[in-house]
C-alpha atoms as a PDB file:
ATOM      1  CA  MET A   1     -19.216 146.679-100.415  1.00  0.00           C
ATOM      2  CA  THR A   2     -21.144 149.954-100.712  1.00  0.00           C
ATOM      3  CA  ILE A   3     -24.943 150.177-100.468  1.00  0.00           C
ATOM      4  CA  LYS A   4     -25.111 150.849-104.201  1.00  0.00           C
ATOM      5  CA  GLU A   5     -23.018 147.758-104.941  1.00  0.00           C
ATOM      6  CA  LYS A   6     -25.233 145.672-102.673  1.00  0.00           C
ATOM      7  CA  LEU A   7     -28.317 146.850-104.547  1.00  0.00           C
ATOM      8  CA  SER A   8     -26.887 146.362-108.049  1.00  0.00           C
ATOM      9  CA  GLY A   9     -27.803 143.318-110.107  1.00  0.00           C
ATOM     10  CA  VAL A  10     -30.588 140.770-110.352  1.00  0.00           C
ATOM     11  CA  PHE A  11     -32.554 139.773-107.266  1.00  0.00           C
ATOM     12  CA  VAL A  12     -35.013 136.898-106.961  1.00  0.00           C
ATOM     13  CA  PRO A  13     -38.285 137.587-105.119  1.00  0.00           C
ATOM     14  CA  ALA A  14     -38.291 133.960-104.119  1.00  0.00           C
ATOM     15  CA  ILE A  15     -41.395 131.799-104.122  1.00  0.00           C
ATOM     16  CA  THR A  16     -42.487 129.856-101.051  1.00  0.00           C
ATOM     17  CA  PRO A  17     -43.182 126.227-102.033  1.00  0.00           C
ATOM     18  CA  PHE A  18     -46.370 124.675-100.621  1.00  0.00           C
ATOM     19  CA  ILE A  19     -47.830 121.197-100.842  1.00  0.00           C
ATOM     20  CA  ASN A  20     -51.347 120.791 -99.459  1.00  0.00           C
ATOM     21  CA  ASP A  21     -51.056 124.247 -97.923  1.00  0.00           C
ATOM     22  CA  GLU A  22     -47.963 123.324 -95.888  1.00  0.00           C
ATOM     23  CA  ILE A  23     -44.618 125.039 -96.497  1.00  0.00           C
ATOM     24  CA  ARG A  24     -41.946 122.711 -97.835  1.00  0.00           C
ATOM     25  CA  TYR A  25     -38.915 124.238 -96.162  1.00  0.00           C
ATOM     26  CA  ASP A  26     -36.675 121.536 -97.624  1.00  0.00           C
ATOM     27  CA  LYS A  27     -37.745 122.495-101.152  1.00  0.00           C
ATOM     28  CA  LEU A  28     -37.152 126.179-100.429  1.00  0.00           C
ATOM     29  CA  GLU A  29     -33.645 125.247 -99.356  1.00  0.00           C
ATOM     30  CA  TYR A  30     -33.239 123.190-102.555  1.00  0.00           C
ATOM     31  CA  ASN A  31     -34.252 126.175-104.700  1.00  0.00           C
ATOM     32  CA  LEU A  32     -31.877 128.529-102.891  1.00  0.00           C
ATOM     33  CA  LYS A  33     -28.924 126.190-103.312  1.00  0.00           C
ATOM     34  CA  LYS A  34     -29.579 125.983-107.070  1.00  0.00           C
ATOM     35  CA  LEU A  35     -30.040 129.740-107.374  1.00  0.00           C
ATOM     36  CA  ASN A  36     -26.832 130.352-105.414  1.00  0.00           C
ATOM     37  CA  GLU A  37     -24.945 128.735-108.299  1.00  0.00           C
ATOM     38  CA  THR A  38     -26.049 131.520-110.651  1.00  0.00           C
ATOM     39  CA  ASP A  39     -24.943 135.154-110.952  1.00  0.00           C
ATOM     40  CA  ILE A  40     -27.933 136.606-109.117  1.00  0.00           C
ATOM     41  CA  LYS A  41     -27.036 139.242-106.521  1.00  0.00           C
ATOM     42  CA  GLY A  42     -29.493 138.145-103.885  1.00  0.00           C
ATOM     43  CA  TYR A  43     -33.044 137.546-102.760  1.00  0.00           C
ATOM     44  CA  LEU A  44     -36.163 139.301-101.625  1.00  0.00           C
ATOM     45  CA  ALA A  45     -37.495 136.940 -98.975  1.00  0.00           C
ATOM     46  CA  LEU A  46     -41.152 137.244 -97.957  1.00  0.00           C
ATOM     47  CA  GLY A  47     -42.137 139.363-100.922  1.00  0.00           C
ATOM     48  CA  SER A  48     -45.310 139.173-102.984  1.00  0.00           C
ATOM     49  CA  ASN A  49     -44.064 136.117-104.887  1.00  0.00           C
ATOM     50  CA  GLY A  50     -43.223 134.604-101.509  1.00  0.00           C
ATOM     51  CA  GLU A  51     -46.921 134.975-100.590  1.00  0.00           C
ATOM     52  CA  ASN A  52     -45.990 137.039 -97.548  1.00  0.00           C
ATOM     53  CA  LYS A  53     -49.574 137.873 -96.614  1.00  0.00           C
ATOM     54  CA  SER A  54     -50.515 134.185 -96.588  1.00  0.00           C
ATOM     55  CA  LEU A  55     -47.917 133.234 -93.966  1.00  0.00           C
ATOM     56  CA  THR A  56     -48.192 133.306 -90.208  1.00  0.00           C
ATOM     57  CA  TYR A  57     -45.664 135.314 -88.217  1.00  0.00           C
ATOM     58  CA  THR A  58     -43.965 132.102 -87.053  1.00  0.00           C
ATOM     59  CA  GLU A  59     -43.764 130.834 -90.636  1.00  0.00           C
ATOM     60  CA  LYS A  60     -42.260 134.125 -91.803  1.00  0.00           C
ATOM     61  CA  LEU A  61     -39.475 133.892 -89.250  1.00  0.00           C
ATOM     62  CA  LYS A  62     -38.714 130.279 -90.165  1.00  0.00           C
ATOM     63  CA  VAL A  63     -38.698 131.087 -93.897  1.00  0.00           C
ATOM     64  CA  LEU A  64     -36.327 133.986 -93.282  1.00  0.00           C
ATOM     65  CA  GLU A  65     -34.046 131.744 -91.221  1.00  0.00           C
ATOM     66  CA  ILE A  66     -33.841 129.377 -94.212  1.00  0.00           C
ATOM     67  CA  PHE A  67     -32.730 132.271 -96.415  1.00  0.00           C
ATOM     68  CA  ILE A  68     -30.074 133.413 -93.938  1.00  0.00           C
ATOM     69  CA  LYS A  69     -28.787 129.871 -93.454  1.00  0.00           C
ATOM     70  CA  ASN A  70     -28.447 129.368 -97.221  1.00  0.00           C
ATOM     71  CA  LYS A  71     -27.466 132.872 -98.360  1.00  0.00           C
ATOM     72  CA  GLY A  72     -23.864 132.096 -99.265  1.00  0.00           C
ATOM     73  CA  ASN A  73     -22.491 135.354-100.640  1.00  0.00           C
ATOM     74  CA  LYS A  74     -25.919 136.684-101.648  1.00  0.00           C
ATOM     75  CA  ILE A  75     -27.732 139.745-100.312  1.00  0.00           C
ATOM     76  CA  ILE A  76     -30.963 139.194 -98.362  1.00  0.00           C
ATOM     77  CA  MET A  77     -33.840 141.664 -98.384  1.00  0.00           C
ATOM     78  CA  ALA A  78     -36.659 140.762 -95.994  1.00  0.00           C
ATOM     79  CA  GLY A  79     -40.252 141.803 -96.660  1.00  0.00           C
ATOM     80  CA  THR A  80     -41.404 143.135 -93.293  1.00  0.00           C
ATOM     81  CA  GLY A  81     -44.257 145.495 -94.109  1.00  0.00           C
ATOM     82  CA  CYS A  82     -47.314 145.168 -91.858  1.00  0.00           C
ATOM     83  CA  GLU A  83     -50.429 147.287 -91.468  1.00  0.00           C
ATOM     84  CA  SER A  84     -49.247 149.124 -88.368  1.00  0.00           C
ATOM     85  CA  THR A  85     -46.030 151.059 -87.855  1.00  0.00           C
ATOM     86  CA  ARG A  86     -45.521 149.316 -84.512  1.00  0.00           C
ATOM     87  CA  GLU A  87     -45.719 145.793 -85.940  1.00  0.00           C
ATOM     88  CA  THR A  88     -43.553 146.675 -88.931  1.00  0.00           C
ATOM     89  CA  ILE A  89     -40.821 148.007 -86.645  1.00  0.00           C
ATOM     90  CA  SER A  90     -41.036 144.921 -84.430  1.00  0.00           C
ATOM     91  CA  PHE A  91     -40.836 142.511 -87.381  1.00  0.00           C
ATOM     92  CA  SER A  92     -38.039 144.537 -89.004  1.00  0.00           C
ATOM     93  CA  LYS A  93     -36.001 144.323 -85.811  1.00  0.00           C
ATOM     94  CA  GLU A  94     -36.454 140.552 -85.787  1.00  0.00           C
ATOM     95  CA  ALA A  95     -35.338 140.359 -89.425  1.00  0.00           C
ATOM     96  CA  ALA A  96     -32.240 142.385 -88.571  1.00  0.00           C
ATOM     97  CA  LYS A  97     -31.511 140.123 -85.604  1.00  0.00           C
ATOM     98  CA  ILE A  98     -31.771 137.011 -87.782  1.00  0.00           C
ATOM     99  CA  GLY A  99     -29.309 138.488 -90.277  1.00  0.00           C
ATOM    100  CA  ALA A 100     -31.142 140.228 -93.119  1.00  0.00           C
ATOM    101  CA  ASP A 101     -29.151 142.873 -94.983  1.00  0.00           C
ATOM    102  CA  PHE A 102     -32.150 145.114 -95.789  1.00  0.00           C
ATOM    103  CA  VAL A 103     -35.829 145.309 -94.964  1.00  0.00           C
ATOM    104  CA  SER A 104     -38.264 145.898 -97.811  1.00  0.00           C
ATOM    105  CA  VAL A 105     -41.407 147.595 -96.531  1.00  0.00           C
ATOM    106  CA  LEU A 106     -44.639 147.433 -98.516  1.00  0.00           C
ATOM    107  CA  THR A 107     -47.112 150.280 -98.063  1.00  0.00           C
ATOM    108  CA  PRO A 108     -49.960 149.609 -95.604  1.00  0.00           C
ATOM    109  CA  SER A 109     -53.283 149.358 -97.410  1.00  0.00           C
ATOM    110  CA  TYR A 110     -56.187 148.162 -95.261  1.00  0.00           C
ATOM    111  CA  PHE A 111     -57.348 151.742 -94.643  1.00  0.00           C
ATOM    112  CA  ALA A 112     -56.540 152.669 -98.219  1.00  0.00           C
ATOM    113  CA  LYS A 113     -58.578 155.890 -98.331  1.00  0.00           C
ATOM    114  CA  GLN A 114     -56.592 157.302 -95.409  1.00  0.00           C
ATOM    115  CA  ILE A 115     -53.131 156.348 -96.704  1.00  0.00           C
ATOM    116  CA  LYS A 116     -52.089 159.744 -98.038  1.00  0.00           C
ATOM    117  CA  ASP A 117     -48.609 161.130 -98.680  1.00  0.00           C
ATOM    118  CA  GLU A 118     -48.231 162.525 -95.163  1.00  0.00           C
ATOM    119  CA  ILE A 119     -49.067 159.176 -93.583  1.00  0.00           C
ATOM    120  CA  LEU A 120     -46.554 157.343 -95.785  1.00  0.00           C
ATOM    121  CA  ILE A 121     -43.838 159.892 -95.014  1.00  0.00           C
ATOM    122  CA  ASP A 122     -44.425 159.465 -91.277  1.00  0.00           C
ATOM    123  CA  TYR A 123     -44.709 155.667 -91.607  1.00  0.00           C
ATOM    124  CA  TYR A 124     -41.395 155.164 -93.392  1.00  0.00           C
ATOM    125  CA  THR A 125     -39.581 157.816 -91.360  1.00  0.00           C
ATOM    126  CA  GLU A 126     -40.530 156.207 -88.048  1.00  0.00           C
ATOM    127  CA  ILE A 127     -39.526 152.759 -89.290  1.00  0.00           C
ATOM    128  CA  ALA A 128     -36.177 153.987 -90.581  1.00  0.00           C
ATOM    129  CA  ASP A 129     -35.524 155.863 -87.340  1.00  0.00           C
ATOM    130  CA  ASN A 130     -36.027 152.688 -85.292  1.00  0.00           C
ATOM    131  CA  VAL A 131     -34.470 149.903 -87.373  1.00  0.00           C
ATOM    132  CA  ASP A 132     -30.733 149.275 -87.427  1.00  0.00           C
ATOM    133  CA  ILE A 133     -30.453 147.936 -90.990  1.00  0.00           C
ATOM    134  CA  PRO A 134     -31.214 149.912 -94.173  1.00  0.00           C
ATOM    135  CA  VAL A 135     -34.812 150.313 -95.295  1.00  0.00           C
ATOM    136  CA  LEU A 136     -36.202 149.899 -98.815  1.00  0.00           C
ATOM    137  CA  ILE A 137     -39.602 151.270 -99.789  1.00  0.00           C
ATOM    138  CA  TYR A 138     -41.764 148.807-101.725  1.00  0.00           C
ATOM    139  CA  ASN A 139     -44.262 150.385-104.123  1.00  0.00           C
ATOM    140  CA  ALA A 140     -46.704 147.801-105.483  1.00  0.00           C
ATOM    141  CA  PRO A 141     -50.181 149.296-106.019  1.00  0.00           C
ATOM    142  CA  GLY A 142     -51.309 146.089-107.695  1.00  0.00           C
ATOM    143  CA  PHE A 143     -51.004 144.316-104.343  1.00  0.00           C
ATOM    144  CA  THR A 144     -52.233 147.128-102.097  1.00  0.00           C
ATOM    145  CA  GLY A 145     -55.629 148.006-103.484  1.00  0.00           C
ATOM    146  CA  GLY A 146     -54.183 150.917-105.412  1.00  0.00           C
ATOM    147  CA  VAL A 147     -52.217 152.496-102.562  1.00  0.00           C
ATOM    148  CA  LYS A 148     -49.096 153.907-104.128  1.00  0.00           C
ATOM    149  CA  VAL A 149     -46.025 155.889-103.226  1.00  0.00           C
ATOM    150  CA  SER A 150     -45.891 159.266-104.965  1.00  0.00           C
ATOM    151  CA  PRO A 151     -42.804 161.036-106.335  1.00  0.00           C
ATOM    152  CA  LYS A 152     -43.442 163.672-103.652  1.00  0.00           C
ATOM    153  CA  VAL A 153     -43.034 161.025-100.950  1.00  0.00           C
ATOM    154  CA  ILE A 154     -39.820 159.781-102.533  1.00  0.00           C
ATOM    155  CA  SER A 155     -38.344 163.277-102.869  1.00  0.00           C
ATOM    156  CA  LYS A 156     -38.856 163.667 -99.112  1.00  0.00           C
ATOM    157  CA  LEU A 157     -37.824 160.198 -97.917  1.00  0.00           C
ATOM    158  CA  ALA A 158     -34.826 159.770-100.227  1.00  0.00           C
ATOM    159  CA  ASN A 159     -32.896 162.160 -97.990  1.00  0.00           C
ATOM    160  CA  HIS A 160     -33.321 159.985 -94.897  1.00  0.00           C
ATOM    161  CA  PRO A 161     -29.929 158.401 -94.069  1.00  0.00           C
ATOM    162  CA  ASN A 162     -31.455 154.979 -93.380  1.00  0.00           C
ATOM    163  CA  ILE A 163     -33.850 154.849 -96.354  1.00  0.00           C
ATOM    164  CA  VAL A 164     -31.539 153.722 -99.118  1.00  0.00           C
ATOM    165  CA  GLY A 165     -33.814 152.857-101.999  1.00  0.00           C
ATOM    166  CA  MET A 166     -37.050 151.411-103.301  1.00  0.00           C
ATOM    167  CA  LYS A 167     -38.493 148.582-105.322  1.00  0.00           C
ATOM    168  CA  ASP A 168     -41.019 149.891-107.832  1.00  0.00           C
ATOM    169  CA  SER A 169     -43.519 147.344-109.161  1.00  0.00           C
ATOM    170  CA  SER A 170     -45.993 149.861-110.553  1.00  0.00           C
ATOM    171  CA  THR A 171     -46.601 150.013-114.277  1.00  0.00           C
ATOM    172  CA  ASP A 172     -46.001 153.723-114.712  1.00  0.00           C
ATOM    173  CA  GLY A 173     -43.830 155.025-111.899  1.00  0.00           C
ATOM    174  CA  ILE A 174     -40.169 154.174-112.231  1.00  0.00           C
ATOM    175  CA  MET A 175     -39.188 157.210-114.313  1.00  0.00           C
ATOM    176  CA  SER A 176     -40.876 159.594-111.894  1.00  0.00           C
ATOM    177  CA  PHE A 177     -39.069 157.965-108.966  1.00  0.00           C
ATOM    178  CA  LEU A 178     -35.720 158.143-110.720  1.00  0.00           C
ATOM    179  CA  SER A 179     -36.396 161.804-111.395  1.00  0.00           C
ATOM    180  CA  ALA A 180     -37.548 162.532-107.833  1.00  0.00           C
ATOM    181  CA  SER A 181     -34.382 160.987-106.364  1.00  0.00           C
ATOM    182  CA  LYS A 182     -31.939 162.219-108.999  1.00  0.00           C
ATOM    183  CA  GLY A 183     -28.767 163.588-107.416  1.00  0.00           C
ATOM    184  CA  ILE A 184     -29.351 161.859-104.059  1.00  0.00           C
ATOM    185  CA  ASP A 185     -26.388 159.509-103.810  1.00  0.00           C
ATOM    186  CA  ASN A 186     -27.749 157.391-100.956  1.00  0.00           C
ATOM    187  CA  PHE A 187     -31.023 156.406-102.670  1.00  0.00           C
ATOM    188  CA  HIS A 188     -31.280 153.680-105.300  1.00  0.00           C
ATOM    189  CA  VAL A 189     -34.270 152.654-107.421  1.00  0.00           C
ATOM    190  CA  ILE A 190     -34.745 148.977-108.289  1.00  0.00           C
ATOM    191  CA  ALA A 191     -37.067 147.809-111.069  1.00  0.00           C
ATOM    192  CA  GLY A 192     -39.776 145.456-109.859  1.00  0.00           C
ATOM    193  CA  SER A 193     -40.583 143.868-113.222  1.00  0.00           C
ATOM    194  CA  ALA A 194     -38.678 142.354-116.121  1.00  0.00           C
ATOM    195  CA  ASN A 195     -40.953 144.391-118.398  1.00  0.00           C
ATOM    196  CA  PHE A 196     -39.103 147.617-117.580  1.00  0.00           C
ATOM    197  CA  PHE A 197     -35.845 146.252-116.181  1.00  0.00           C
ATOM    198  CA  LEU A 198     -33.662 147.449-119.065  1.00  0.00           C
ATOM    199  CA  THR A 199     -35.455 150.784-119.329  1.00  0.00           C
ATOM    200  CA  GLY A 200     -34.855 151.322-115.642  1.00  0.00           C
ATOM    201  CA  LEU A 201     -31.161 150.436-115.912  1.00  0.00           C
ATOM    202  CA  ILE A 202     -30.646 152.847-118.800  1.00  0.00           C
ATOM    203  CA  CYS A 203     -32.245 155.664-116.815  1.00  0.00           C
ATOM    204  CA  GLY A 204     -30.391 155.023-113.567  1.00  0.00           C
ATOM    205  CA  ALA A 205     -31.888 152.045-111.714  1.00  0.00           C
ATOM    206  CA  THR A 206     -29.281 149.855-110.055  1.00  0.00           C
ATOM    207  CA  GLY A 207     -30.940 146.493-110.544  1.00  0.00           C
ATOM    208  CA  GLY A 208     -34.114 144.464-110.732  1.00  0.00           C
ATOM    209  CA  ILE A 209     -36.163 142.295-108.395  1.00  0.00           C
ATOM    210  CA  LEU A 210     -37.660 140.019-111.030  1.00  0.00           C
ATOM    211  CA  SER A 211     -40.254 137.282-110.516  1.00  0.00           C
ATOM    212  CA  LEU A 212     -39.037 135.700-113.757  1.00  0.00           C
ATOM    213  CA  ALA A 213     -35.695 135.000-112.100  1.00  0.00           C
ATOM    214  CA  ASN A 214     -37.360 132.318-109.962  1.00  0.00           C
ATOM    215  CA  ALA A 215     -37.385 130.159-113.061  1.00  0.00           C
ATOM    216  CA  PHE A 216     -34.886 131.763-115.441  1.00  0.00           C
ATOM    217  CA  PRO A 217     -32.180 133.542-113.450  1.00  0.00           C
ATOM    218  CA  ASN A 218     -29.500 133.161-116.106  1.00  0.00           C
ATOM    219  CA  ILE A 219     -31.307 135.029-118.879  1.00  0.00           C
ATOM    220  CA  CYS A 220     -32.104 137.864-116.448  1.00  0.00           C
ATOM    221  CA  CYS A 221     -28.457 138.071-115.382  1.00  0.00           C
ATOM    222  CA  GLU A 222     -27.368 137.961-119.019  1.00  0.00           C
ATOM    223  CA  LEU A 223     -29.408 141.078-119.770  1.00  0.00           C
ATOM    224  CA  TYR A 224     -27.894 142.872-116.778  1.00  0.00           C
ATOM    225  CA  ASN A 225     -24.374 141.864-117.826  1.00  0.00           C
ATOM    226  CA  PHE A 226     -24.945 143.090-121.397  1.00  0.00           C
ATOM    227  CA  PHE A 227     -25.992 146.445-119.973  1.00  0.00           C
ATOM    228  CA  ILE A 228     -22.973 146.684-117.649  1.00  0.00           C
ATOM    229  CA  GLU A 229     -20.666 145.809-120.529  1.00  0.00           C
ATOM    230  CA  GLY A 230     -22.192 148.540-122.703  1.00  0.00           C
ATOM    231  CA  LYS A 231     -23.678 146.034-125.165  1.00  0.00           C
ATOM    232  CA  ILE A 232     -26.914 147.939-125.565  1.00  0.00           C
ATOM    233  CA  LYS A 233     -28.018 146.301-128.821  1.00  0.00           C
ATOM    234  CA  GLU A 234     -27.590 142.832-127.336  1.00  0.00           C
ATOM    235  CA  ALA A 235     -29.358 143.966-124.174  1.00  0.00           C
ATOM    236  CA  THR A 236     -32.233 145.447-126.187  1.00  0.00           C
ATOM    237  CA  ASP A 237     -32.661 142.311-128.292  1.00  0.00           C
ATOM    238  CA  LEU A 238     -32.712 140.193-125.144  1.00  0.00           C
ATOM    239  CA  HIS A 239     -35.123 142.601-123.461  1.00  0.00           C
ATOM    240  CA  PHE A 240     -37.803 141.923-126.077  1.00  0.00           C
ATOM    241  CA  LYS A 241     -37.374 138.174-125.626  1.00  0.00           C
ATOM    242  CA  ILE A 242     -37.640 138.555-121.842  1.00  0.00           C
ATOM    243  CA  PHE A 243     -40.642 140.880-122.190  1.00  0.00           C
ATOM    244  CA  LYS A 244     -42.503 138.228-124.154  1.00  0.00           C
ATOM    245  CA  LEU A 245     -41.405 135.485-121.769  1.00  0.00           C
ATOM    246  CA  ASN A 246     -42.476 137.488-118.732  1.00  0.00           C
ATOM    247  CA  SER A 247     -45.889 138.112-120.258  1.00  0.00           C
ATOM    248  CA  LYS A 248     -46.330 134.369-120.769  1.00  0.00           C
ATOM    249  CA  VAL A 249     -45.217 133.574-117.218  1.00  0.00           C
ATOM    250  CA  SER A 250     -45.882 136.279-114.623  1.00  0.00           C
ATOM    251  CA  GLY A 251     -48.578 137.929-116.713  1.00  0.00           C
ATOM    252  CA  SER A 252     -50.563 134.752-117.333  1.00  0.00           C
ATOM    253  CA  GLY A 253     -51.362 133.623-113.822  1.00  0.00           C
ATOM    254  CA  GLY A 254     -49.397 135.490-111.194  1.00  0.00           C
ATOM    255  CA  VAL A 255     -47.501 133.515-108.591  1.00  0.00           C
ATOM    256  CA  SER A 256     -49.247 130.267-109.622  1.00  0.00           C
ATOM    257  CA  ALA A 257     -47.757 130.607-113.101  1.00  0.00           C
ATOM    258  CA  VAL A 258     -44.340 131.578-111.749  1.00  0.00           C
ATOM    259  CA  LYS A 259     -44.350 128.378-109.700  1.00  0.00           C
ATOM    260  CA  VAL A 260     -45.172 126.272-112.760  1.00  0.00           C
ATOM    261  CA  ALA A 261     -42.401 127.935-114.758  1.00  0.00           C
ATOM    262  CA  ALA A 262     -39.959 127.308-111.910  1.00  0.00           C
ATOM    263  CA  THR A 263     -40.904 123.634-111.839  1.00  0.00           C
ATOM    264  CA  LEU A 264     -40.525 123.305-115.618  1.00  0.00           C
ATOM    265  CA  ALA A 265     -37.094 124.936-115.322  1.00  0.00           C
ATOM    266  CA  GLY A 266     -35.878 122.398-112.749  1.00  0.00           C
ATOM    267  CA  PHE A 267     -36.717 124.124-109.478  1.00  0.00           C
ATOM    268  CA  PHE A 268     -39.474 123.137-107.058  1.00  0.00           C
ATOM    269  CA  GLY A 269     -42.448 125.423-107.533  1.00  0.00           C
ATOM    270  CA  GLY A 270     -45.097 123.583-105.607  1.00  0.00           C
ATOM    271  CA  GLU A 271     -48.568 125.038-105.199  1.00  0.00           C
ATOM    272  CA  PRO A 272     -49.800 128.423-104.073  1.00  0.00           C
ATOM    273  CA  ARG A 273     -51.483 128.617-100.684  1.00  0.00           C
ATOM    274  CA  ARG A 274     -55.282 128.737-100.716  1.00  0.00           C
ATOM    275  CA  PRO A 275     -57.391 130.595-101.629  1.00  0.00           C
ATOM    276  CA  LEU A 276     -55.114 130.888-104.689  1.00  0.00           C
ATOM    277  CA  LYS A 277     -55.434 128.013-107.112  1.00  0.00           C
ATOM    278  CA  PRO A 278     -52.703 126.284-109.118  1.00  0.00           C
ATOM    279  CA  LEU A 279     -52.786 126.301-112.887  1.00  0.00           C
ATOM    280  CA  ASN A 280     -54.801 123.504-114.443  1.00  0.00           C
ATOM    281  CA  ASP A 281     -53.345 120.801-116.669  1.00  0.00           C
ATOM    282  CA  VAL A 282     -54.265 122.645-119.859  1.00  0.00           C
ATOM    283  CA  GLN A 283     -52.535 125.826-118.701  1.00  0.00           C
ATOM    284  CA  ILE A 284     -49.453 123.891-117.614  1.00  0.00           C
ATOM    285  CA  GLY A 285     -49.326 122.124-120.983  1.00  0.00           C
ATOM    286  CA  GLU A 286     -49.574 125.429-122.842  1.00  0.00           C
ATOM    287  CA  MET A 287     -46.734 126.901-120.838  1.00  0.00           C
ATOM    288  CA  ARG A 288     -44.580 123.814-121.363  1.00  0.00           C
ATOM    289  CA  GLU A 289     -45.126 123.922-125.112  1.00  0.00           C
ATOM    290  CA  TYR A 290     -44.367 127.637-125.272  1.00  0.00           C
ATOM    291  CA  LEU A 291     -41.128 127.279-123.323  1.00  0.00           C
ATOM    292  CA  LYS A 292     -40.061 124.319-125.460  1.00  0.00           C
ATOM    293  CA  GLY A 293     -40.935 126.159-128.633  1.00  0.00           C
ATOM    294  CA  GLU A 294     -38.783 129.093-127.578  1.00  0.00           C
ATOM    295  CA  GLY A 295     -35.903 126.768-126.683  1.00  0.00           C
ATOM    296  CA  ILE A 296     -36.001 127.930-123.071  1.00  0.00           C
ATOM    297  CA  ILE A 297     -36.459 124.466-121.565  1.00  0.00           C
END
């Protein structure tokens, strides 16, 4: 399977289930086994929806081991971005040793004012030079205090032989990244939101890493399949349904809402880890009624 084939399709940025602040590894395994029965292409383990920054290093390794153990024929991307280049390389090497297919590296952000283009170019280049598995850039300014990857950075890094793509979760960047990497065969852009998944596919993205797929993988895969089959009208009609659904789920309460939607859809969502708070009973009831009214559950 080529790199492009591995990065084509719907990926789940899988949630980490907690009860009373403790990870329920058994419930994570339960979710993965159910998701493996669908047409998703793979998983982003330890992403934003996995509450990466709320896990200890030991927990991260154990979570990743659960993904590798239960991957079946799915592709595993491991979120390994840390604040320092040194730690990111070390963690990425561990992820490769465990069996991840790719590492997905979020931009550092603690010293946000100093994180300029030149620093990001050096950061990703050094990581890619020292890690044996392919590297994906993760652009998510909403989670990094506004630190973002620029098209200039992508035009430079897309030529690196071990930097094979990026996940873009910004609200305004995917077209500029597709343009900046146009004509570079070894670099693939992946949409980081259901809101612009179809738009991205039409303009050259290979797939989507979609929080909505934690709860509703089949409808996300259906949109992708419509696109692949050239059924653009059907894909467009479904896109507007998914856009509305995503706004009600991911847009209404972040990972806490995604976990509720997953639970209502038959998975085990659990709670977020503190200081995040779960949705209250009123919010859960509103989501349940909306999903029932739309015939989704």
